[in-house]
Protein backbone atom coordinates (compact mmCIF):
# COMPACT_ATOMS: atom_id res chain seq x y z
CA UNK A 1 -0.11 -0.23 0.17
CA UNK A 2 1.02 3.11 -0.83
CA UNK A 3 1.26 6.11 1.87
CA UNK A 4 0.25 9.68 0.82
CA UNK A 5 1.35 12.27 2.58
CA UNK A 6 -1.68 14.34 3.74
CA UNK A 7 -0.40 17.77 2.51
CA UNK A 8 0.66 16.20 -1.02
CA UNK A 9 3.96 15.65 -2.00
CA UNK A 10 6.75 17.71 -0.39
CA UNK A 11 8.80 20.23 -2.35
CA UNK A 12 12.65 19.41 -2.52
CA UNK A 13 14.38 22.40 -1.62
CA UNK A 14 17.73 22.60 -3.46
CA UNK A 15 20.38 24.44 -3.73
CA UNK A 16 22.99 24.93 -6.36
CA UNK A 17 26.37 26.97 -6.08
CA UNK A 18 29.25 28.29 -4.56
CA UNK A 19 30.39 25.63 -2.34
CA UNK A 20 30.91 28.30 0.76
CA UNK A 21 27.37 28.68 0.89
CA UNK A 22 26.44 25.37 0.81
CA UNK A 23 26.81 24.27 4.42
CA UNK A 24 24.61 27.07 5.49
CA UNK A 25 21.61 26.01 3.08
CA UNK A 26 22.46 22.46 4.24
CA UNK A 27 21.61 23.31 8.00
CA UNK A 28 18.50 25.06 6.70
CA UNK A 29 17.30 21.55 5.33
CA UNK A 30 17.95 22.29 1.62
CA UNK A 31 19.57 19.14 -0.51
CA UNK A 32 22.87 20.90 -1.61
CA UNK A 33 25.01 20.36 -4.89
CA UNK A 34 28.02 22.30 -4.03
CA UNK A 35 29.86 24.05 -7.40
CA UNK A 36 28.17 22.01 -9.55
CA UNK A 37 29.20 21.67 -13.60
CA UNK A 38 26.43 23.13 -15.54
CA UNK A 39 25.67 19.98 -17.34
CA UNK A 40 24.81 18.53 -13.90
CA UNK A 41 22.66 21.48 -13.15
CA UNK A 42 20.67 20.79 -16.74
CA UNK A 43 20.29 17.25 -15.98
CA UNK A 44 19.09 17.78 -12.45
CA UNK A 45 16.54 20.38 -13.72
CA UNK A 46 15.59 17.83 -16.40
CA UNK A 47 14.83 15.30 -14.15
CA UNK A 48 12.69 17.32 -12.27
CA UNK A 49 10.86 18.65 -14.97
CA UNK A 50 10.36 14.96 -16.13
CA UNK A 51 9.32 13.54 -13.21
CA UNK A 52 6.70 16.56 -12.09
CA UNK A 53 8.54 16.91 -8.78
CA UNK A 54 7.75 20.32 -6.94
CA UNK A 55 11.12 21.97 -5.74
CA UNK A 56 12.21 25.27 -5.04
CA UNK A 57 15.87 25.64 -6.01
CA UNK A 58 18.33 28.50 -5.76
CA UNK A 59 20.97 28.78 -8.40
CA UNK A 60 24.31 31.00 -7.11
CA UNK A 61 27.28 30.10 -9.50
CA UNK A 62 29.86 33.00 -10.77
């Protein structure tokens, strides 16, 4: 039996960016991807779109 979250599917919190900021985002509950390659960012965002996963993402790259 599949369990259904009472408030629906949770929203994933994602931080993609500079390693020096990743720990702070991790502490407040974000999945962190420090210093990701652009192809990895593209792949992650395409997977979110394909799976129609709700996500709030923060991209901070130089």
